[in-house]
Amino acid sequence: IIQLTTATRSGNKKVTLVSNLEPYGININEFSKACKHGVQASTSITKVPGTNIDQFQIQGNHVRFIYNLLTDTYKVAKGNITGLKKKKKDKVKKVK
């Protein structure tokens, strides 16, 4: 299952982390290039500490973009992606 998570780095900056792309036949370097062009953000590929698994990192909170890229372009089933949380709509307060 592909895992999408967001983390906060130094200076209160957000990054989006993507793990487990290889089992779905996704080339991380091509995926990185598609993300760079899609959202104009810096990316990096690192090893997960203690394992031999590559983890993809992109600056900013781009969970929605990556989810759409995986399902539309790479045809990954929606059930194979975790980490996309549905955002609740804010309640509108009535002014009296």
PDB file of N, CA and C in Angstrom:
ATOM      1  N   ILE A   1       0.848  -1.184   0.000  1.00  0.00           N
ATOM      2  CA  ILE A   1       0.000   0.000   0.000  1.00  0.00           C
ATOM      3  C   ILE A   1       0.889   1.242   0.000  1.00  0.00           C
ATOM      4  N   ILE A   2       0.598   2.169  -0.888  1.00  0.00           N
ATOM      5  CA  ILE A   2       1.350   3.423  -0.968  1.00  0.00           C
ATOM      6  C   ILE A   2       0.899   4.330   0.175  1.00  0.00           C
ATOM      7  N   GLN A   3       1.869   4.869   0.908  1.00  0.00           N
ATOM      8  CA  GLN A   3       1.554   5.710   2.053  1.00  0.00           C
ATOM      9  C   GLN A   3       1.909   7.164   1.762  1.00  0.00           C
ATOM     10  N   LEU A   4       0.923   8.046   1.952  1.00  0.00           N
ATOM     11  CA  LEU A   4       1.139   9.490   1.811  1.00  0.00           C
ATOM     12  C   LEU A   4       1.064  10.102   3.202  1.00  0.00           C
ATOM     13  N   THR A   5       2.094  10.839   3.588  1.00  0.00           N
ATOM     14  CA  THR A   5       2.087  11.508   4.883  1.00  0.00           C
ATOM     15  C   THR A   5       2.662  12.905   4.725  1.00  0.00           C
ATOM     16  N   THR A   6       2.292  13.776   5.655  1.00  0.00           N
ATOM     17  CA  THR A   6       2.896  15.105   5.690  1.00  0.00           C
ATOM     18  C   THR A   6       3.677  15.219   6.984  1.00  0.00           C
ATOM     19  N   ALA A   7       4.762  15.954   6.934  1.00  0.00           N
ATOM     20  CA  ALA A   7       5.593  16.171   8.113  1.00  0.00           C
ATOM     21  C   ALA A   7       6.007  17.628   8.145  1.00  0.00           C
ATOM     22  N   THR A   8       6.383  18.084   9.329  1.00  0.00           N
ATOM     23  CA  THR A   8       6.845  19.455   9.491  1.00  0.00           C
ATOM     24  C   THR A   8       8.347  19.435   9.694  1.00  0.00           C
ATOM     25  N   ARG A   9       9.039  20.191   8.904  1.00  0.00           N
ATOM     26  CA  ARG A   9      10.496  20.285   8.997  1.00  0.00           C
ATOM     27  C   ARG A   9      10.864  21.593   9.699  1.00  0.00           C
ATOM     28  N   SER A  10      12.154  21.866   9.766  1.00  0.00           N
ATOM     29  CA  SER A  10      12.619  23.066  10.452  1.00  0.00           C
ATOM     30  C   SER A  10      12.021  24.320   9.820  1.00  0.00           C
ATOM     31  N   GLY A  11      11.740  25.294  10.635  1.00  0.00           N
ATOM     32  CA  GLY A  11      11.160  26.533  10.147  1.00  0.00           C
ATOM     33  C   GLY A  11       9.678  26.405   9.862  1.00  0.00           C
ATOM     34  N   ASN A  12       9.034  25.378  10.430  1.00  0.00           N
ATOM     35  CA  ASN A  12       7.591  25.148  10.275  1.00  0.00           C
ATOM     36  C   ASN A  12       7.202  24.931   8.814  1.00  0.00           C
ATOM     37  N   LYS A  13       8.096  24.323   8.035  1.00  0.00           N
ATOM     38  CA  LYS A  13       7.808  24.039   6.633  1.00  0.00           C
ATOM     39  C   LYS A  13       7.233  22.634   6.514  1.00  0.00           C
ATOM     40  N   LYS A  14       6.244  22.473   5.639  1.00  0.00           N
ATOM     41  CA  LYS A  14       5.605  21.178   5.420  1.00  0.00           C
ATOM     42  C   LYS A  14       6.272  20.456   4.256  1.00  0.00           C
ATOM     43  N   VAL A  15       6.348  19.138   4.370  1.00  0.00           N
ATOM     44  CA  VAL A  15       6.786  18.287   3.273  1.00  0.00           C
ATOM     45  C   VAL A  15       5.822  17.117   3.164  1.00  0.00           C
ATOM     46  N   THR A  16       5.690  16.586   1.961  1.00  0.00           N
ATOM     47  CA  THR A  16       4.863  15.411   1.729  1.00  0.00           C
ATOM     48  C   THR A  16       5.795  14.239   1.463  1.00  0.00           C
ATOM     49  N   LEU A  17       5.561  13.133   2.177  1.00  0.00           N
ATOM     50  CA  LEU A  17       6.385  11.942   2.044  1.00  0.00           C
ATOM     51  C   LEU A  17       5.560  10.836   1.391  1.00  0.00           C
ATOM     52  N   VAL A  18       6.152  10.135   0.432  1.00  0.00           N
ATOM     53  CA  VAL A  18       5.479   9.050  -0.266  1.00  0.00           C
ATOM     54  C   VAL A  18       6.358   7.805  -0.166  1.00  0.00           C
ATOM     55  N   SER A  19       5.783   6.702   0.330  1.00  0.00           N
ATOM     56  CA  SER A  19       6.528   5.455   0.497  1.00  0.00           C
ATOM     57  C   SER A  19       5.868   4.331  -0.302  1.00  0.00           C
ATOM     58  N   ASN A  20       6.644   3.306  -0.631  1.00  0.00           N
ATOM     59  CA  ASN A  20       6.183   2.067  -1.279  1.00  0.00           C
ATOM     60  C   ASN A  20       5.730   2.265  -2.722  1.00  0.00           C
ATOM     61  N   LEU A  21       6.464   3.005  -3.518  1.00  0.00           N
ATOM     62  CA  LEU A  21       6.113   3.170  -4.928  1.00  0.00           C
ATOM     63  C   LEU A  21       6.628   2.011  -5.792  1.00  0.00           C
ATOM     64  N   GLU A  22       7.764   1.417  -5.421  1.00  0.00           N
ATOM     65  CA  GLU A  22       8.381   0.378  -6.250  1.00  0.00           C
ATOM     66  C   GLU A  22       7.497  -0.843  -6.498  1.00  0.00           C
ATOM     67  N   PRO A  23       6.761  -1.366  -5.509  1.00  0.00           N
ATOM     68  CA  PRO A  23       5.948  -2.560  -5.767  1.00  0.00           C
ATOM     69  C   PRO A  23       4.880  -2.361  -6.852  1.00  0.00           C
ATOM     70  N   TYR A  24       4.556  -1.128  -7.186  1.00  0.00           N
ATOM     71  CA  TYR A  24       3.548  -0.839  -8.203  1.00  0.00           C
ATOM     72  C   TYR A  24       4.183  -0.528  -9.555  1.00  0.00           C
ATOM     73  N   GLY A  25       5.481  -0.758  -9.668  1.00  0.00           N
ATOM     74  CA  GLY A  25       6.177  -0.560 -10.933  1.00  0.00           C
ATOM     75  C   GLY A  25       6.390   0.896 -11.294  1.00  0.00           C
ATOM     76  N   ILE A  26       6.384   1.773 -10.304  1.00  0.00           N
ATOM     77  CA  ILE A  26       6.554   3.205 -10.559  1.00  0.00           C
ATOM     78  C   ILE A  26       8.039   3.555 -10.412  1.00  0.00           C
ATOM     79  N   ASN A  27       8.613   4.127 -11.452  1.00  0.00           N
ATOM     80  CA  ASN A  27       9.990   4.591 -11.412  1.00  0.00           C
ATOM     81  C   ASN A  27      10.018   5.905 -10.616  1.00  0.00           C
ATOM     82  N   ILE A  28      10.738   5.908  -9.501  1.00  0.00           N
ATOM     83  CA  ILE A  28      10.725   7.080  -8.616  1.00  0.00           C
ATOM     84  C   ILE A  28      11.310   8.310  -9.300  1.00  0.00           C
ATOM     85  N   ASN A  29      12.317   8.133 -10.146  1.00  0.00           N
ATOM     86  CA  ASN A  29      12.912   9.289 -10.826  1.00  0.00           C
ATOM     87  C   ASN A  29      11.921   9.931 -11.792  1.00  0.00           C
ATOM     88  N   GLU A  30      11.159   9.123 -12.535  1.00  0.00           N
ATOM     89  CA  GLU A  30      10.141   9.676 -13.437  1.00  0.00           C
ATOM     90  C   GLU A  30       9.010  10.319 -12.638  1.00  0.00           C
ATOM     91  N   PHE A  31       8.623   9.673 -11.533  1.00  0.00           N
ATOM     92  CA  PHE A  31       7.570  10.217 -10.673  1.00  0.00           C
ATOM     93  C   PHE A  31       8.003  11.566 -10.094  1.00  0.00           C
ATOM     94  N   SER A  32       9.272  11.649  -9.693  1.00  0.00           N
ATOM     95  CA  SER A  32       9.820  12.887  -9.152  1.00  0.00           C
ATOM     96  C   SER A  32       9.747  14.008 -10.184  1.00  0.00           C
ATOM     97  N   LYS A  33      10.103  13.685 -11.425  1.00  0.00           N
ATOM     98  CA  LYS A  33      10.077  14.682 -12.497  1.00  0.00           C
ATOM     99  C   LYS A  33       8.648  15.167 -12.754  1.00  0.00           C
ATOM    100  N   ALA A  34       7.676  14.242 -12.734  1.00  0.00           N
ATOM    101  CA  ALA A  34       6.271  14.612 -12.952  1.00  0.00           C
ATOM    102  C   ALA A  34       5.775  15.526 -11.834  1.00  0.00           C
ATOM    103  N   CYS A  35       6.190  15.262 -10.607  1.00  0.00           N
ATOM    104  CA  CYS A  35       5.778  16.105  -9.480  1.00  0.00           C
ATOM    105  C   CYS A  35       6.422  17.482  -9.550  1.00  0.00           C
ATOM    106  N   LYS A  36       7.702  17.533  -9.934  1.00  0.00           N
ATOM    107  CA  LYS A  36       8.397  18.821 -10.052  1.00  0.00           C
ATOM    108  C   LYS A  36       7.682  19.727 -11.054  1.00  0.00           C
ATOM    109  N   HIS A  37       7.284  19.158 -12.198  1.00  0.00           N
ATOM    110  CA  HIS A  37       6.617  19.955 -13.224  1.00  0.00           C
ATOM    111  C   HIS A  37       5.181  20.277 -12.833  1.00  0.00           C
ATOM    112  N   GLY A  38       4.542  19.381 -12.081  1.00  0.00           N
ATOM    113  CA  GLY A  38       3.139  19.584 -11.724  1.00  0.00           C
ATOM    114  C   GLY A  38       2.911  20.672 -10.704  1.00  0.00           C
ATOM    115  N   VAL A  39       3.780  20.767  -9.704  1.00  0.00           N
ATOM    116  CA  VAL A  39       3.558  21.746  -8.636  1.00  0.00           C
ATOM    117  C   VAL A  39       4.731  22.703  -8.447  1.00  0.00           C
ATOM    118  N   GLN A  40       5.749  22.619  -9.297  1.00  0.00           N
ATOM    119  CA  GLN A  40       6.936  23.468  -9.199  1.00  0.00           C
ATOM    120  C   GLN A  40       7.505  23.506  -7.783  1.00  0.00           C
ATOM    121  N   ALA A  41       7.824  22.316  -7.270  1.00  0.00           N
ATOM    122  CA  ALA A  41       8.393  22.220  -5.930  1.00  0.00           C
ATOM    123  C   ALA A  41       9.619  21.311  -5.975  1.00  0.00           C
ATOM    124  N   SER A  42      10.509  21.509  -5.025  1.00  0.00           N
ATOM    125  CA  SER A  42      11.719  20.710  -4.943  1.00  0.00           C
ATOM    126  C   SER A  42      11.398  19.316  -4.410  1.00  0.00           C
ATOM    127  N   THR A  43      12.088  18.309  -4.938  1.00  0.00           N
ATOM    128  CA  THR A  43      11.869  16.935  -4.506  1.00  0.00           C
ATOM    129  C   THR A  43      13.196  16.289  -4.135  1.00  0.00           C
ATOM    130  N   SER A  44      13.113  15.195  -3.366  1.00  0.00           N
ATOM    131  CA  SER A  44      14.306  14.413  -3.061  1.00  0.00           C
ATOM    132  C   SER A  44      13.887  12.968  -2.819  1.00  0.00           C
ATOM    133  N   ILE A  45      14.847  12.071  -2.984  1.00  0.00           N
ATOM    134  CA  ILE A  45      14.605  10.650  -2.752  1.00  0.00           C
ATOM    135  C   ILE A  45      15.607  10.201  -1.706  1.00  0.00           C
ATOM    136  N   THR A  46      15.107   9.600  -0.618  1.00  0.00           N
ATOM    137  CA  THR A  46      15.968   9.153   0.468  1.00  0.00           C
ATOM    138  C   THR A  46      15.630   7.716   0.829  1.00  0.00           C
ATOM    139  N   LYS A  47      16.521   7.064   1.533  1.00  0.00           N
ATOM    140  CA  LYS A  47      16.272   5.722   2.059  1.00  0.00           C
ATOM    141  C   LYS A  47      15.604   5.859   3.421  1.00  0.00           C
ATOM    142  N   VAL A  48      14.610   4.993   3.681  1.00  0.00           N
ATOM    143  CA  VAL A  48      13.978   4.973   4.992  1.00  0.00           C
ATOM    144  C   VAL A  48      14.994   4.381   5.974  1.00  0.00           C
ATOM    145  N   PRO A  49      15.240   5.041   7.108  1.00  0.00           N
ATOM    146  CA  PRO A  49      16.244   4.532   8.057  1.00  0.00           C
ATOM    147  C   PRO A  49      15.916   3.107   8.520  1.00  0.00           C
ATOM    148  N   GLY A  50      16.920   2.259   8.483  1.00  0.00           N
ATOM    149  CA  GLY A  50      16.750   0.885   8.950  1.00  0.00           C
ATOM    150  C   GLY A  50      16.214  -0.072   7.900  1.00  0.00           C
ATOM    151  N   THR A  51      15.888   0.416   6.706  1.00  0.00           N
ATOM    152  CA  THR A  51      15.375  -0.446   5.646  1.00  0.00           C
ATOM    153  C   THR A  51      16.087  -0.108   4.337  1.00  0.00           C
ATOM    154  N   ASN A  52      15.726  -0.834   3.295  1.00  0.00           N
ATOM    155  CA  ASN A  52      16.305  -0.572   1.981  1.00  0.00           C
ATOM    156  C   ASN A  52      15.247   0.004   1.049  1.00  0.00           C
ATOM    157  N   ILE A  53      14.232   0.663   1.620  1.00  0.00           N
ATOM    158  CA  ILE A  53      13.108   1.201   0.845  1.00  0.00           C
ATOM    159  C   ILE A  53      13.341   2.681   0.561  1.00  0.00           C
ATOM    160  N   ASP A  54      13.098   3.084  -0.685  1.00  0.00           N
ATOM    161  CA  ASP A  54      13.211   4.497  -1.047  1.00  0.00           C
ATOM    162  C   ASP A  54      11.953   5.248  -0.631  1.00  0.00           C
ATOM    163  N   GLN A  55      12.147   6.486  -0.188  1.00  0.00           N
ATOM    164  CA  GLN A  55      11.031   7.354   0.182  1.00  0.00           C
ATOM    165  C   GLN A  55      11.159   8.639  -0.613  1.00  0.00           C
ATOM    166  N   PHE A  56      10.052   9.061  -1.188  1.00  0.00           N
ATOM    167  CA  PHE A  56      10.011  10.260  -2.018  1.00  0.00           C
ATOM    168  C   PHE A  56       9.535  11.424  -1.158  1.00  0.00           C
ATOM    169  N   GLN A  57      10.177  12.577  -1.278  1.00  0.00           N
ATOM    170  CA  GLN A  57       9.818  13.757  -0.484  1.00  0.00           C
ATOM    171  C   GLN A  57       9.668  14.949  -1.410  1.00  0.00           C
ATOM    172  N   ILE A  58       8.588  15.722  -1.204  1.00  0.00           N
ATOM    173  CA  ILE A  58       8.359  16.931  -1.985  1.00  0.00           C
ATOM    174  C   ILE A  58       8.003  18.063  -1.029  1.00  0.00           C
ATOM    175  N   GLN A  59       8.530  19.255  -1.311  1.00  0.00           N
ATOM    176  CA  GLN A  59       8.267  20.401  -0.436  1.00  0.00           C
ATOM    177  C   GLN A  59       6.815  20.834  -0.545  1.00  0.00           C
ATOM    178  N   GLY A  60       6.193  21.077   0.598  1.00  0.00           N
ATOM    179  CA  GLY A  60       4.815  21.541   0.633  1.00  0.00           C
ATOM    180  C   GLY A  60       3.840  20.400   0.854  1.00  0.00           C
ATOM    181  N   ASN A  61       2.592  20.743   1.114  1.00  0.00           N
ATOM    182  CA  ASN A  61       1.543  19.751   1.315  1.00  0.00           C
ATOM    183  C   ASN A  61       0.868  19.504  -0.029  1.00  0.00           C
ATOM    184  N   HIS A  62       1.285  18.435  -0.711  1.00  0.00           N
ATOM    185  CA  HIS A  62       0.771  18.129  -2.039  1.00  0.00           C
ATOM    186  C   HIS A  62       0.132  16.743  -2.078  1.00  0.00           C
ATOM    187  N   VAL A  63      -0.510  16.348  -0.974  1.00  0.00           N
ATOM    188  CA  VAL A  63      -1.124  15.029  -0.894  1.00  0.00           C
ATOM    189  C   VAL A  63      -2.193  14.863  -1.970  1.00  0.00           C
ATOM    190  N   ARG A  64      -3.028  15.857  -2.164  1.00  0.00           N
ATOM    191  CA  ARG A  64      -4.110  15.771  -3.155  1.00  0.00           C
ATOM    192  C   ARG A  64      -3.545  15.626  -4.574  1.00  0.00           C
ATOM    193  N   PHE A  65      -2.517  16.412  -4.915  1.00  0.00           N
ATOM    194  CA  PHE A  65      -1.915  16.329  -6.243  1.00  0.00           C
ATOM    195  C   PHE A  65      -1.316  14.945  -6.479  1.00  0.00           C
ATOM    196  N   ILE A  66      -0.573  14.433  -5.508  1.00  0.00           N
ATOM    197  CA  ILE A  66       0.072  13.127  -5.656  1.00  0.00           C
ATOM    198  C   ILE A  66      -0.976  12.023  -5.762  1.00  0.00           C
ATOM    199  N   TYR A  67      -2.031  12.109  -4.965  1.00  0.00           N
ATOM    200  CA  TYR A  67      -3.114  11.121  -5.039  1.00  0.00           C
ATOM    201  C   TYR A  67      -3.726  11.111  -6.440  1.00  0.00           C
ATOM    202  N   ASN A  68      -4.014  12.289  -6.983  1.00  0.00           N
ATOM    203  CA  ASN A  68      -4.589  12.369  -8.331  1.00  0.00           C
ATOM    204  C   ASN A  68      -3.609  11.874  -9.392  1.00  0.00           C
ATOM    205  N   LEU A  69      -2.331  12.175  -9.235  1.00  0.00           N
ATOM    206  CA  LEU A  69      -1.313  11.709 -10.186  1.00  0.00           C
ATOM    207  C   LEU A  69      -1.229  10.182 -10.175  1.00  0.00           C
ATOM    208  N   LEU A  70      -1.253   9.599  -8.981  1.00  0.00           N
ATOM    209  CA  LEU A  70      -1.164   8.139  -8.876  1.00  0.00           C
ATOM    210  C   LEU A  70      -2.392   7.447  -9.468  1.00  0.00           C
ATOM    211  N   THR A  71      -3.579   7.985  -9.201  1.00  0.00           N
ATOM    212  CA  THR A  71      -4.791   7.319  -9.683  1.00  0.00           C
ATOM    213  C   THR A  71      -5.050   7.581 -11.159  1.00  0.00           C
ATOM    214  N   ASP A  72      -4.767   8.782 -11.656  1.00  0.00           N
ATOM    215  CA  ASP A  72      -5.070   9.119 -13.050  1.00  0.00           C
ATOM    216  C   ASP A  72      -3.959   8.675 -14.005  1.00  0.00           C
ATOM    217  N   THR A  73      -2.724   9.080 -13.745  1.00  0.00           N
ATOM    218  CA  THR A  73      -1.624   8.809 -14.661  1.00  0.00           C
ATOM    219  C   THR A  73      -1.071   7.393 -14.506  1.00  0.00           C
ATOM    220  N   TYR A  74      -0.838   6.978 -13.257  1.00  0.00           N
ATOM    221  CA  TYR A  74      -0.208   5.682 -13.013  1.00  0.00           C
ATOM    222  C   TYR A  74      -1.225   4.558 -12.789  1.00  0.00           C
ATOM    223  N   LYS A  75      -2.515   4.868 -12.805  1.00  0.00           N
ATOM    224  CA  LYS A  75      -3.597   3.880 -12.706  1.00  0.00           C
ATOM    225  C   LYS A  75      -3.496   2.981 -11.476  1.00  0.00           C
ATOM    226  N   VAL A  76      -3.094   3.567 -10.333  1.00  0.00           N
ATOM    227  CA  VAL A  76      -3.059   2.830  -9.079  1.00  0.00           C
ATOM    228  C   VAL A  76      -4.474   2.850  -8.501  1.00  0.00           C
ATOM    229  N   ALA A  77      -4.955   1.699  -8.038  1.00  0.00           N
ATOM    230  CA  ALA A  77      -6.303   1.620  -7.469  1.00  0.00           C
ATOM    231  C   ALA A  77      -6.394   2.489  -6.214  1.00  0.00           C
ATOM    232  N   LYS A  78      -7.531   3.159  -6.033  1.00  0.00           N
ATOM    233  CA  LYS A  78      -7.703   4.070  -4.902  1.00  0.00           C
ATOM    234  C   LYS A  78      -7.564   3.362  -3.563  1.00  0.00           C
ATOM    235  N   GLY A  79      -7.917   2.069  -3.511  1.00  0.00           N
ATOM    236  CA  GLY A  79      -7.803   1.299  -2.276  1.00  0.00           C
ATOM    237  C   GLY A  79      -6.365   1.001  -1.886  1.00  0.00           C
ATOM    238  N   ASN A  80      -5.421   1.191  -2.805  1.00  0.00           N
ATOM    239  CA  ASN A  80      -4.008   0.918  -2.528  1.00  0.00           C
ATOM    240  C   ASN A  80      -3.243   2.139  -2.057  1.00  0.00           C
ATOM    241  N   ILE A  81      -3.941   3.241  -1.785  1.00  0.00           N
ATOM    242  CA  ILE A  81      -3.290   4.476  -1.336  1.00  0.00           C
ATOM    243  C   ILE A  81      -3.886   4.873   0.008  1.00  0.00           C
ATOM    244  N   THR A  82      -3.030   5.094   0.999  1.00  0.00           N
ATOM    245  CA  THR A  82      -3.500   5.550   2.302  1.00  0.00           C
ATOM    246  C   THR A  82      -2.914   6.925   2.587  1.00  0.00           C
ATOM    247  N   GLY A  83      -3.581   7.673   3.445  1.00  0.00           N
ATOM    248  CA  GLY A  83      -3.057   8.965   3.868  1.00  0.00           C
ATOM    249  C   GLY A  83      -3.844  10.149   3.363  1.00  0.00           C
ATOM    250  N   LEU A  84      -4.812   9.907   2.457  1.00  0.00           N
ATOM    251  CA  LEU A  84      -5.627  11.025   1.977  1.00  0.00           C
ATOM    252  C   LEU A  84      -6.812  11.160   2.909  1.00  0.00           C
ATOM    253  N   LYS A  85      -6.849  12.255   3.622  1.00  0.00           N
ATOM    254  CA  LYS A  85      -7.945  12.483   4.558  1.00  0.00           C
ATOM    255  C   LYS A  85      -8.929  13.441   3.923  1.00  0.00           C
ATOM    256  N   LYS A  86     -10.181  13.081   4.022  1.00  0.00           N
ATOM    257  CA  LYS A  86     -11.226  13.964   3.506  1.00  0.00           C
ATOM    258  C   LYS A  86     -11.332  15.165   4.440  1.00  0.00           C
ATOM    259  N   LYS A  87     -11.287  16.340   3.856  1.00  0.00           N
ATOM    260  CA  LYS A  87     -11.367  17.562   4.648  1.00  0.00           C
ATOM    261  C   LYS A  87     -12.830  17.885   4.906  1.00  0.00           C
ATOM    262  N   LYS A  88     -13.158  18.087   6.180  1.00  0.00           N
ATOM    263  CA  LYS A  88     -14.530  18.435   6.522  1.00  0.00           C
ATOM    264  C   LYS A  88     -14.793  19.888   6.142  1.00  0.00           C
ATOM    265  N   LYS A  89     -15.992  20.131   5.633  1.00  0.00           N
ATOM    266  CA  LYS A  89     -16.345  21.492   5.283  1.00  0.00           C
ATOM    267  C   LYS A  89     -16.606  22.297   6.557  1.00  0.00           C
ATOM    268  N   ASP A  90     -16.151  23.535   6.545  1.00  0.00           N
ATOM    269  CA  ASP A  90     -16.368  24.399   7.689  1.00  0.00           C
ATOM    270  C   ASP A  90     -17.834  24.811   7.747  1.00  0.00           C
ATOM    271  N   LYS A  91     -18.336  24.838   8.982  1.00  0.00           N
ATOM    272  CA  LYS A  91     -19.715  25.271   9.150  1.00  0.00           C
ATOM    273  C   LYS A  91     -19.790  26.798   9.001  1.00  0.00           C
ATOM    274  N   VAL A  92     -20.797  27.248   8.301  1.00  0.00           N
ATOM    275  CA  VAL A  92     -20.987  28.672   8.093  1.00  0.00           C
ATOM    276  C   VAL A  92     -21.845  29.201   9.252  1.00  0.00           C
ATOM    277  N   LYS A  93     -21.339  30.192   9.937  1.00  0.00           N
ATOM    278  CA  LYS A  93     -22.091  30.782  11.049  1.00  0.00           C
ATOM    279  C   LYS A  93     -23.016  31.848  10.500  1.00  0.00           C
ATOM    280  N   LYS A  94     -24.251  31.805  10.984  1.00  0.00           N
ATOM    281  CA  LYS A  94     -25.240  32.800  10.567  1.00  0.00           C
ATOM    282  C   LYS A  94     -25.073  34.061  11.401  1.00  0.00           C
ATOM    283  N   VAL A  95     -25.130  35.195  10.746  1.00  0.00           N
ATOM    284  CA  VAL A  95     -25.010  36.473  11.426  1.00  0.00           C
ATOM    285  C   VAL A  95     -26.415  36.982  11.718  1.00  0.00           C
ATOM    286  N   LYS A  96     -26.678  37.319  12.963  1.00  0.00           N
ATOM    287  CA  LYS A  96     -28.010  37.809  13.327  1.00  0.00           C
ATOM    288  C   LYS A  96     -28.074  39.306  13.306  1.00  0.00           C
TER     289      LYS A  96
END
